[in-house]
């Protein structure tokens, strides 16, 4: 924030009571005359003293819920070329245009914004004709000029209108390549979604997205706009009207016969008037304006053309946004700890890691054989696993338990050529499986029917103990090949006299 901050007003500090309230005769609205011009001249003097020739529009707001202009617009003040496309966060305007924006704010024409220059120079307009100018330079000549204009500058520690984020710890999601990939995936899943574009405070546009128009809509979005992705809101108009609450603030979105999307925010006092406007609409939808009642699927803010997110405003985080923020902290190969929450019927195990639900597919539960996932893990169990991937589009994180376990296969491979004894664990038409490690979850190998001593059939059953030779361990396909015949031959060869 600037080092030197001044409150500049038309109110004489001598006309304040013991509580600091102004008791003089100055009207708290613009005089549309010499006092207003004095304010603008003071800003110009500070800008000149600080060497500022242009200002940046920050956090623009449009008054009310509908459009620019609480009072009739003013012609001839140089703002015609700025609206509507040029009034956006980050827009650079010359000092002359900045002064006219201040004039509109002093006259309460329905717009408001912060005007800044690199953080070292700020102009904020407050209620009741209070002006705040900040600069990294003391601007003593500008202070003298301000006093000579009949205004009263007072030094402050900070402007009360300095930007303060709603949640300093919140990590805002940018509308980057991952966001657009996620949006395309969502459109494919829903067939159509709505994109709410908040291009200034209290001013938004709605777009119905399909696979065919995402790129064209994206190209028309206002710089640094806040974006919210909603499921397809539009339903039968009668259903939308029936969904209106008995009372409360809602946003009604509708599509006219030409496919144009419009919206308005109303309460119960305006329901009848708005529903009358829906008579010719093809479809409509209702969104509650109360926190927590209706949330979009996910949100983002547009970065600048260089990919850097410089907009300071924050969207209201959704569960998906919080998942995104958590996923940004993960990386492939990272070891995490979580709690098993569910073992699904289709075999996938779900694990809570920091409030996000990751998953473990059956092959990643263990190197060792098992019949079902519950043989390896149980609900409520704390497990340590490795992150296999971080899918920012589907917002999925596959984990692996076996990646943090010792792989027993290389040890078994070193035993190739050994003769071992183990139980038959399973019979199949082409052979039998025999456990070659002395443990309940030991690795198993296949004895093909051609490698069995007895003719294959009912002669060998599960539980029988066979002596076999490990003749091959395939570490790629994770297969062990055994032979009872070669085990017998090896035993015969090892007897004395052979």
Foldseek 3Di string as FASTA:
>chain_A
DFQWKKKKFLQDQVQADPVSDGDDDDFLADPVDLVLVLVLVLLVLLCVLQVHFKWFWAQKAFADQDGFFPDDDDPDQPCPVCPPQNRFGGRIDTSSVVSVVVVCVRNVGGMATWIHDPVAWTWHADGSGIIMIGHNDPSVVSQVSSVVSSMDMDIDRDDPPPDDAPDPPADFAACDPLVVLLVLVVCVVLQWKKKWWARHHSDIAIDIDGNPCPVVVVVPHRAFTKIFIARPFWDALVVQLVPADCWAKKKKWFAAPVRGIDITIDIPVCSVVVSVVCPRTPTMGIGHPDPPPDGGPAIHTYDPPVRHRDRRYHDDGDPLSVLLVVLVVDDAFDKFKFFFADQDPVQKTWTQTPNDIAIEHPVQQALFDDDGSVVRDDGGDMAIWGFHDQNSNVSYTYTHRHVPPDNCQVVVQVQAFPKAKFFFADADPFFTWTFRDPDPRGHIATEGCVQDPDRDDVPHDGGDMAIWGFHHADPVVGHTYIHRNVRVVVVVVPDPPD
